[in-house]
Amino acid sequence: MKTREVVITNASGLHARPATFFIQKANCYKSTILIEKDDRKVNAKSLLGVLSLGIAKGMTVKITAEGQDEDSALDGLVSLVNSGFNE
């Protein structure tokens, strides 16, 4: 299991469109992936779960991956967040 922290930098945070991109990317991996904000963890492959965290611009979240492709999952998701979801 590996974990990384990342700061959300896009203007709208992880709402609607960016959250959809995030879960689509998470679903590309076989690993179990969680996203955590304020000690609350949800399945990163669940749109409702991700939206329920209310992640806004400037917040720091933890992404945890466990499984056979955990390294590439973390690399891919952190890269997506750092790109600002191309907004």
PDB file of N, CA and C in Angstrom:
ATOM      1  N   MET A   1       0.853  -1.180   0.000  1.00  0.00           N
ATOM      2  CA  MET A   1       0.000   0.000   0.000  1.00  0.00           C
ATOM      3  C   MET A   1       0.890   1.232   0.000  1.00  0.00           C
ATOM      4  N   LYS A   2       0.540   2.175  -0.861  1.00  0.00           N
ATOM      5  CA  LYS A   2       1.302   3.413  -0.955  1.00  0.00           C
ATOM      6  C   LYS A   2       0.343   4.591  -0.926  1.00  0.00           C
ATOM      7  N   THR A   3       0.822   5.705  -0.354  1.00  0.00           N
ATOM      8  CA  THR A   3       0.000   6.902  -0.211  1.00  0.00           C
ATOM      9  C   THR A   3       0.793   8.130  -0.644  1.00  0.00           C
ATOM     10  N   ARG A   4       0.096   9.056  -1.274  1.00  0.00           N
ATOM     11  CA  ARG A   4       0.696  10.355  -1.620  1.00  0.00           C
ATOM     12  C   ARG A   4      -0.291  11.462  -1.320  1.00  0.00           C
ATOM     13  N   GLU A   5       0.247  12.605  -0.923  1.00  0.00           N
ATOM     14  CA  GLU A   5      -0.579  13.790  -0.722  1.00  0.00           C
ATOM     15  C   GLU A   5      -0.447  14.683  -1.944  1.00  0.00           C
ATOM     16  N   VAL A   6      -1.543  15.325  -2.290  1.00  0.00           N
ATOM     17  CA  VAL A   6      -1.548  16.232  -3.446  1.00  0.00           C
ATOM     18  C   VAL A   6      -2.495  17.392  -3.142  1.00  0.00           C
ATOM     19  N   VAL A   7      -2.140  18.578  -3.644  1.00  0.00           N
ATOM     20  CA  VAL A   7      -2.969  19.773  -3.462  1.00  0.00           C
ATOM     21  C   VAL A   7      -3.806  19.971  -4.717  1.00  0.00           C
ATOM     22  N   ILE A   8      -5.087  20.191  -4.521  1.00  0.00           N
ATOM     23  CA  ILE A   8      -6.012  20.443  -5.636  1.00  0.00           C
ATOM     24  C   ILE A   8      -5.817  21.887  -6.093  1.00  0.00           C
ATOM     25  N   THR A   9      -5.441  22.065  -7.360  1.00  0.00           N
ATOM     26  CA  THR A   9      -5.102  23.407  -7.846  1.00  0.00           C
ATOM     27  C   THR A   9      -6.083  23.979  -8.859  1.00  0.00           C
ATOM     28  N   ASN A  10      -6.961  23.142  -9.415  1.00  0.00           N
ATOM     29  CA  ASN A  10      -7.885  23.682 -10.412  1.00  0.00           C
ATOM     30  C   ASN A  10      -8.979  24.507  -9.746  1.00  0.00           C
ATOM     31  N   ALA A  11      -9.545  25.440 -10.495  1.00  0.00           N
ATOM     32  CA  ALA A  11     -10.485  26.421  -9.948  1.00  0.00           C
ATOM     33  C   ALA A  11     -11.715  25.817  -9.287  1.00  0.00           C
ATOM     34  N   SER A  12     -12.257  24.747  -9.839  1.00  0.00           N
ATOM     35  CA  SER A  12     -13.510  24.210  -9.301  1.00  0.00           C
ATOM     36  C   SER A  12     -13.311  23.075  -8.303  1.00  0.00           C
ATOM     37  N   GLY A  13     -12.076  22.716  -8.008  1.00  0.00           N
ATOM     38  CA  GLY A  13     -11.845  21.608  -7.087  1.00  0.00           C
ATOM     39  C   GLY A  13     -12.282  20.297  -7.729  1.00  0.00           C
ATOM     40  N   LEU A  14     -12.604  19.309  -6.901  1.00  0.00           N
ATOM     41  CA  LEU A  14     -13.040  18.011  -7.424  1.00  0.00           C
ATOM     42  C   LEU A  14     -14.563  17.956  -7.448  1.00  0.00           C
ATOM     43  N   HIS A  15     -15.145  18.730  -8.349  1.00  0.00           N
ATOM     44  CA  HIS A  15     -16.591  18.770  -8.507  1.00  0.00           C
ATOM     45  C   HIS A  15     -16.945  18.381  -9.928  1.00  0.00           C
ATOM     46  N   ALA A  16     -18.065  17.744 -10.108  1.00  0.00           N
ATOM     47  CA  ALA A  16     -18.646  17.341 -11.397  1.00  0.00           C
ATOM     48  C   ALA A  16     -17.626  16.892 -12.438  1.00  0.00           C
ATOM     49  N   ARG A  17     -17.242  17.778 -13.344  1.00  0.00           N
ATOM     50  CA  ARG A  17     -16.392  17.383 -14.467  1.00  0.00           C
ATOM     51  C   ARG A  17     -15.027  16.864 -14.020  1.00  0.00           C
ATOM     52  N   PRO A  18     -14.265  17.585 -13.168  1.00  0.00           N
ATOM     53  CA  PRO A  18     -12.966  17.065 -12.744  1.00  0.00           C
ATOM     54  C   PRO A  18     -13.086  15.759 -11.951  1.00  0.00           C
ATOM     55  N   ALA A  19     -14.120  15.629 -11.150  1.00  0.00           N
ATOM     56  CA  ALA A  19     -14.317  14.389 -10.394  1.00  0.00           C
ATOM     57  C   ALA A  19     -14.574  13.226 -11.336  1.00  0.00           C
ATOM     58  N   THR A  20     -15.296  13.484 -12.420  1.00  0.00           N
ATOM     59  CA  THR A  20     -15.549  12.441 -13.416  1.00  0.00           C
ATOM     60  C   THR A  20     -14.246  11.992 -14.053  1.00  0.00           C
ATOM     61  N   PHE A  21     -13.382  12.953 -14.406  1.00  0.00           N
ATOM     62  CA  PHE A  21     -12.072  12.604 -14.966  1.00  0.00           C
ATOM     63  C   PHE A  21     -11.266  11.787 -13.963  1.00  0.00           C
ATOM     64  N   PHE A  22     -11.328  12.180 -12.701  1.00  0.00           N
ATOM     65  CA  PHE A  22     -10.564  11.494 -11.655  1.00  0.00           C
ATOM     66  C   PHE A  22     -11.018  10.039 -11.515  1.00  0.00           C
ATOM     67  N   ILE A  23     -12.324   9.810 -11.439  1.00  0.00           N
ATOM     68  CA  ILE A  23     -12.786   8.426 -11.252  1.00  0.00           C
ATOM     69  C   ILE A  23     -12.577   7.593 -12.516  1.00  0.00           C
ATOM     70  N   GLN A  24     -12.683   8.212 -13.681  1.00  0.00           N
ATOM     71  CA  GLN A  24     -12.401   7.478 -14.907  1.00  0.00           C
ATOM     72  C   GLN A  24     -10.948   7.004 -14.924  1.00  0.00           C
ATOM     73  N   LYS A  25     -10.043   7.877 -14.500  1.00  0.00           N
ATOM     74  CA  LYS A  25      -8.628   7.517 -14.428  1.00  0.00           C
ATOM     75  C   LYS A  25      -8.422   6.431 -13.372  1.00  0.00           C
ATOM     76  N   ALA A  26      -9.044   6.566 -12.216  1.00  0.00           N
ATOM     77  CA  ALA A  26      -8.904   5.570 -11.142  1.00  0.00           C
ATOM     78  C   ALA A  26      -9.402   4.200 -11.607  1.00  0.00           C
ATOM     79  N   ASN A  27     -10.455   4.190 -12.403  1.00  0.00           N
ATOM     80  CA  ASN A  27     -11.018   2.927 -12.893  1.00  0.00           C
ATOM     81  C   ASN A  27     -10.149   2.242 -13.949  1.00  0.00           C
ATOM     82  N   CYS A  28      -9.119   2.912 -14.408  1.00  0.00           N
ATOM     83  CA  CYS A  28      -8.179   2.305 -15.357  1.00  0.00           C
ATOM     84  C   CYS A  28      -7.228   1.328 -14.659  1.00  0.00           C
ATOM     85  N   TYR A  29      -7.201   1.365 -13.338  1.00  0.00           N
ATOM     86  CA  TYR A  29      -6.248   0.556 -12.571  1.00  0.00           C
ATOM     87  C   TYR A  29      -6.961  -0.558 -11.818  1.00  0.00           C
ATOM     88  N   LYS A  30      -6.255  -1.649 -11.598  1.00  0.00           N
ATOM     89  CA  LYS A  30      -6.810  -2.788 -10.876  1.00  0.00           C
ATOM     90  C   LYS A  30      -6.721  -2.615  -9.365  1.00  0.00           C
ATOM     91  N   SER A  31      -5.811  -1.772  -8.909  1.00  0.00           N
ATOM     92  CA  SER A  31      -5.611  -1.561  -7.473  1.00  0.00           C
ATOM     93  C   SER A  31      -6.852  -0.976  -6.812  1.00  0.00           C
ATOM     94  N   THR A  32      -6.958  -1.218  -5.519  1.00  0.00           N
ATOM     95  CA  THR A  32      -7.958  -0.533  -4.706  1.00  0.00           C
ATOM     96  C   THR A  32      -7.414   0.866  -4.449  1.00  0.00           C
ATOM     97  N   ILE A  33      -8.214   1.886  -4.737  1.00  0.00           N
ATOM     98  CA  ILE A  33      -7.754   3.269  -4.602  1.00  0.00           C
ATOM     99  C   ILE A  33      -8.734   4.034  -3.727  1.00  0.00           C
ATOM    100  N   LEU A  34      -8.179   4.716  -2.726  1.00  0.00           N
ATOM    101  CA  LEU A  34      -8.979   5.535  -1.820  1.00  0.00           C
ATOM    102  C   LEU A  34      -8.498   6.974  -1.908  1.00  0.00           C
ATOM    103  N   ILE A  35      -9.417   7.906  -1.694  1.00  0.00           N
ATOM    104  CA  ILE A  35      -9.050   9.314  -1.572  1.00  0.00           C
ATOM    105  C   ILE A  35      -9.546   9.774  -0.212  1.00  0.00           C
ATOM    106  N   GLU A  36      -8.711  10.557   0.473  1.00  0.00           N
ATOM    107  CA  GLU A  36      -9.004  10.935   1.859  1.00  0.00           C
ATOM    108  C   GLU A  36      -8.880  12.436   2.054  1.00  0.00           C
ATOM    109  N   LYS A  37      -9.869  12.990   2.757  1.00  0.00           N
ATOM    110  CA  LYS A  37      -9.849  14.396   3.163  1.00  0.00           C
ATOM    111  C   LYS A  37     -10.352  14.465   4.599  1.00  0.00           C
ATOM    112  N   ASP A  38      -9.597  15.092   5.469  1.00  0.00           N
ATOM    113  CA  ASP A  38      -9.996  15.262   6.871  1.00  0.00           C
ATOM    114  C   ASP A  38     -10.376  13.936   7.527  1.00  0.00           C
ATOM    115  N   ASP A  39      -9.530  12.932   7.404  1.00  0.00           N
ATOM    116  CA  ASP A  39      -9.745  11.613   8.019  1.00  0.00           C
ATOM    117  C   ASP A  39     -10.972  10.877   7.502  1.00  0.00           C
ATOM    118  N   ARG A  40     -11.528  11.315   6.388  1.00  0.00           N
ATOM    119  CA  ARG A  40     -12.656  10.618   5.767  1.00  0.00           C
ATOM    120  C   ARG A  40     -12.184  10.023   4.458  1.00  0.00           C
ATOM    121  N   LYS A  41     -12.272   8.706   4.334  1.00  0.00           N
ATOM    122  CA  LYS A  41     -11.802   8.004   3.143  1.00  0.00           C
ATOM    123  C   LYS A  41     -12.978   7.473   2.339  1.00  0.00           C
ATOM    124  N   VAL A  42     -12.860   7.614   1.014  1.00  0.00           N
ATOM    125  CA  VAL A  42     -13.882   7.046   0.126  1.00  0.00           C
ATOM    126  C   VAL A  42     -13.199   6.334  -1.039  1.00  0.00           C
ATOM    127  N   ASN A  43     -13.949   5.475  -1.693  1.00  0.00           N
ATOM    128  CA  ASN A  43     -13.478   4.777  -2.867  1.00  0.00           C
ATOM    129  C   ASN A  43     -13.282   5.790  -3.999  1.00  0.00           C
ATOM    130  N   ALA A  44     -12.069   5.875  -4.520  1.00  0.00           N
ATOM    131  CA  ALA A  44     -11.760   6.838  -5.579  1.00  0.00           C
ATOM    132  C   ALA A  44     -12.388   6.455  -6.911  1.00  0.00           C
ATOM    133  N   LYS A  45     -13.010   5.288  -6.980  1.00  0.00           N
ATOM    134  CA  LYS A  45     -13.665   4.846  -8.209  1.00  0.00           C
ATOM    135  C   LYS A  45     -15.163   5.123  -8.173  1.00  0.00           C
ATOM    136  N   SER A  46     -15.620   5.807  -7.122  1.00  0.00           N
ATOM    137  CA  SER A  46     -17.037   6.112  -6.934  1.00  0.00           C
ATOM    138  C   SER A  46     -17.274   7.614  -7.070  1.00  0.00           C
ATOM    139  N   LEU A  47     -18.056   8.013  -8.063  1.00  0.00           N
ATOM    140  CA  LEU A  47     -18.334   9.428  -8.270  1.00  0.00           C
ATOM    141  C   LEU A  47     -19.028  10.036  -7.053  1.00  0.00           C
ATOM    142  N   LEU A  48     -20.042   9.365  -6.534  1.00  0.00           N
ATOM    143  CA  LEU A  48     -20.748   9.898  -5.367  1.00  0.00           C
ATOM    144  C   LEU A  48     -19.819  10.012  -4.162  1.00  0.00           C
ATOM    145  N   GLY A  49     -18.952   9.028  -3.988  1.00  0.00           N
ATOM    146  CA  GLY A  49     -18.002   9.071  -2.876  1.00  0.00           C
ATOM    147  C   GLY A  49     -17.069  10.262  -2.983  1.00  0.00           C
ATOM    148  N   VAL A  50     -16.495  10.453  -4.165  1.00  0.00           N
ATOM    149  CA  VAL A  50     -15.562  11.570  -4.373  1.00  0.00           C
ATOM    150  C   VAL A  50     -16.276  12.905  -4.205  1.00  0.00           C
ATOM    151  N   LEU A  51     -17.455  13.036  -4.789  1.00  0.00           N
ATOM    152  CA  LEU A  51     -18.206  14.294  -4.657  1.00  0.00           C
ATOM    153  C   LEU A  51     -18.596  14.575  -3.211  1.00  0.00           C
ATOM    154  N   SER A  52     -18.855  13.526  -2.436  1.00  0.00           N
ATOM    155  CA  SER A  52     -19.289  13.705  -1.048  1.00  0.00           C
ATOM    156  C   SER A  52     -18.208  14.322  -0.164  1.00  0.00           C
ATOM    157  N   LEU A  53     -16.962  14.272  -0.605  1.00  0.00           N
ATOM    158  CA  LEU A  53     -15.884  14.866   0.192  1.00  0.00           C
ATOM    159  C   LEU A  53     -15.856  16.390   0.110  1.00  0.00           C
ATOM    160  N   GLY A  54     -16.476  16.965  -0.908  1.00  0.00           N
ATOM    161  CA  GLY A  54     -16.512  18.426  -1.039  1.00  0.00           C
ATOM    162  C   GLY A  54     -15.125  19.032  -1.166  1.00  0.00           C
ATOM    163  N   ILE A  55     -14.311  18.492  -2.036  1.00  0.00           N
ATOM    164  CA  ILE A  55     -12.923  18.934  -2.177  1.00  0.00           C
ATOM    165  C   ILE A  55     -12.868  20.182  -3.048  1.00  0.00           C
ATOM    166  N   ALA A  56     -12.341  21.266  -2.472  1.00  0.00           N
ATOM    167  CA  ALA A  56     -12.263  22.549  -3.164  1.00  0.00           C
ATOM    168  C   ALA A  56     -10.806  22.905  -3.483  1.00  0.00           C
ATOM    169  N   LYS A  57     -10.639  23.937  -4.294  1.00  0.00           N
ATOM    170  CA  LYS A  57      -9.309  24.412  -4.663  1.00  0.00           C
ATOM    171  C   LYS A  57      -8.490  24.724  -3.412  1.00  0.00           C
ATOM    172  N   GLY A  58      -7.237  24.300  -3.422  1.00  0.00           N
ATOM    173  CA  GLY A  58      -6.318  24.583  -2.329  1.00  0.00           C
ATOM    174  C   GLY A  58      -6.285  23.530  -1.238  1.00  0.00           C
ATOM    175  N   MET A  59      -7.211  22.603  -1.258  1.00  0.00           N
ATOM    176  CA  MET A  59      -7.238  21.542  -0.243  1.00  0.00           C
ATOM    177  C   MET A  59      -6.212  20.470  -0.568  1.00  0.00           C
ATOM    178  N   THR A  60      -5.673  19.869   0.477  1.00  0.00           N
ATOM    179  CA  THR A  60      -4.743  18.754   0.325  1.00  0.00           C
ATOM    180  C   THR A  60      -5.502  17.463   0.590  1.00  0.00           C
ATOM    181  N   VAL A  61      -5.333  16.498  -0.301  1.00  0.00           N
ATOM    182  CA  VAL A  61      -5.962  15.185  -0.146  1.00  0.00           C
ATOM    183  C   VAL A  61      -4.885  14.112  -0.191  1.00  0.00           C
ATOM    184  N   LYS A  62      -5.204  12.966   0.384  1.00  0.00           N
ATOM    185  CA  LYS A  62      -4.319  11.806   0.313  1.00  0.00           C
ATOM    186  C   LYS A  62      -4.942  10.801  -0.645  1.00  0.00           C
ATOM    187  N   ILE A  63      -4.116  10.261  -1.512  1.00  0.00           N
ATOM    188  CA  ILE A  63      -4.544   9.201  -2.408  1.00  0.00           C
ATOM    189  C   ILE A  63      -3.771   7.952  -2.027  1.00  0.00           C
ATOM    190  N   THR A  64      -4.490   6.867  -1.768  1.00  0.00           N
ATOM    191  CA  THR A  64      -3.875   5.601  -1.376  1.00  0.00           C
ATOM    192  C   THR A  64      -4.240   4.542  -2.397  1.00  0.00           C
ATOM    193  N   ALA A  65      -3.238   3.768  -2.797  1.00  0.00           N
ATOM    194  CA  ALA A  65      -3.468   2.675  -3.737  1.00  0.00           C
ATOM    195  C   ALA A  65      -2.842   1.411  -3.176  1.00  0.00           C
ATOM    196  N   GLU A  66      -3.567   0.302  -3.344  1.00  0.00           N
ATOM    197  CA  GLU A  66      -3.055  -0.992  -2.901  1.00  0.00           C
ATOM    198  C   GLU A  66      -3.396  -2.036  -3.959  1.00  0.00           C
ATOM    199  N   GLY A  67      -2.349  -2.672  -4.478  1.00  0.00           N
ATOM    200  CA  GLY A  67      -2.565  -3.703  -5.483  1.00  0.00           C
ATOM    201  C   GLY A  67      -1.397  -3.799  -6.433  1.00  0.00           C
ATOM    202  N   GLN A  68      -1.587  -4.601  -7.463  1.00  0.00           N
ATOM    203  CA  GLN A  68      -0.492  -4.906  -8.376  1.00  0.00           C
ATOM    204  C   GLN A  68       0.010  -3.714  -9.179  1.00  0.00           C
ATOM    205  N   ASP A  69      -0.826  -2.716  -9.418  1.00  0.00           N
ATOM    206  CA  ASP A  69      -0.397  -1.540 -10.183  1.00  0.00           C
ATOM    207  C   ASP A  69      -0.473  -0.252  -9.354  1.00  0.00           C
ATOM    208  N   GLU A  70      -0.229  -0.382  -8.045  1.00  0.00           N
ATOM    209  CA  GLU A  70      -0.374   0.768  -7.148  1.00  0.00           C
ATOM    210  C   GLU A  70       0.557   1.921  -7.504  1.00  0.00           C
ATOM    211  N   ASP A  71       1.784   1.628  -7.925  1.00  0.00           N
ATOM    212  CA  ASP A  71       2.714   2.710  -8.276  1.00  0.00           C
ATOM    213  C   ASP A  71       2.226   3.494  -9.489  1.00  0.00           C
ATOM    214  N   SER A  72       1.826   2.790 -10.530  1.00  0.00           N
ATOM    215  CA  SER A  72       1.356   3.489 -11.727  1.00  0.00           C
ATOM    216  C   SER A  72       0.025   4.188 -11.455  1.00  0.00           C
ATOM    217  N   ALA A  73      -0.809   3.634 -10.590  1.00  0.00           N
ATOM    218  CA  ALA A  73      -2.074   4.284 -10.239  1.00  0.00           C
ATOM    219  C   ALA A  73      -1.814   5.620  -9.552  1.00  0.00           C
ATOM    220  N   LEU A  74      -0.918   5.615  -8.578  1.00  0.00           N
ATOM    221  CA  LEU A  74      -0.601   6.867  -7.883  1.00  0.00           C
ATOM    222  C   LEU A  74       0.033   7.872  -8.836  1.00  0.00           C
ATOM    223  N   ASP A  75       0.975   7.418  -9.647  1.00  0.00           N
ATOM    224  CA  ASP A  75       1.620   8.317 -10.610  1.00  0.00           C
ATOM    225  C   ASP A  75       0.590   8.946 -11.540  1.00  0.00           C
ATOM    226  N   GLY A  76      -0.318   8.137 -12.066  1.00  0.00           N
ATOM    227  CA  GLY A  76      -1.322   8.630 -13.000  1.00  0.00           C
ATOM    228  C   GLY A  76      -2.295   9.609 -12.369  1.00  0.00           C
ATOM    229  N   LEU A  77      -2.765   9.294 -11.176  1.00  0.00           N
ATOM    230  CA  LEU A  77      -3.742  10.167 -10.508  1.00  0.00           C
ATOM    231  C   LEU A  77      -3.106  11.465 -10.027  1.00  0.00           C
ATOM    232  N   VAL A  78      -1.907  11.388  -9.482  1.00  0.00           N
ATOM    233  CA  VAL A  78      -1.212  12.609  -9.038  1.00  0.00           C
ATOM    234  C   VAL A  78      -0.912  13.493 -10.240  1.00  0.00           C
ATOM    235  N   SER A  79      -0.502  12.902 -11.335  1.00  0.00           N
ATOM    236  CA  SER A  79      -0.237  13.661 -12.558  1.00  0.00           C
ATOM    237  C   SER A  79      -1.507  14.364 -13.052  1.00  0.00           C
ATOM    238  N   LEU A  80      -2.626  13.664 -13.015  1.00  0.00           N
ATOM    239  CA  LEU A  80      -3.900  14.252 -13.427  1.00  0.00           C
ATOM    240  C   LEU A  80      -4.263  15.446 -12.547  1.00  0.00           C
ATOM    241  N   VAL A  81      -4.144  15.287 -11.246  1.00  0.00           N
ATOM    242  CA  VAL A  81      -4.464  16.386 -10.330  1.00  0.00           C
ATOM    243  C   VAL A  81      -3.506  17.563 -10.562  1.00  0.00           C
ATOM    244  N   ASN A  82      -2.223  17.272 -10.703  1.00  0.00           N
ATOM    245  CA  ASN A  82      -1.239  18.341 -10.902  1.00  0.00           C
ATOM    246  C   ASN A  82      -1.420  19.068 -12.234  1.00  0.00           C
ATOM    247  N   SER A  83      -2.062  18.416 -13.203  1.00  0.00           N
ATOM    248  CA  SER A  83      -2.323  19.062 -14.490  1.00  0.00           C
ATOM    249  C   SER A  83      -3.479  20.069 -14.386  1.00  0.00           C
ATOM    250  N   GLY A  84      -4.159  20.065 -13.249  1.00  0.00           N
ATOM    251  CA  GLY A  84      -5.329  20.932 -13.087  1.00  0.00           C
ATOM    252  C   GLY A  84      -6.505  20.463 -13.905  1.00  0.00           C
ATOM    253  N   PHE A  85      -6.499  19.174 -14.271  1.00  0.00           N
ATOM    254  CA  PHE A  85      -7.579  18.576 -15.061  1.00  0.00           C
ATOM    255  C   PHE A  85      -7.763  19.289 -16.394  1.00  0.00           C
ATOM    256  N   ASN A  86      -6.663  19.910 -16.858  1.00  0.00           N
ATOM    257  CA  ASN A  86      -6.649  20.618 -18.149  1.00  0.00           C
ATOM    258  C   ASN A  86      -7.719  21.691 -18.250  1.00  0.00           C
ATOM    259  N   GLU A  87      -7.994  22.330 -17.128  1.00  0.00           N
ATOM    260  CA  GLU A  87      -8.990  23.414 -17.148  1.00  0.00           C
ATOM    261  C   GLU A  87      -8.327  24.745 -17.421  1.00  0.00           C
TER     262      GLU A  87
END
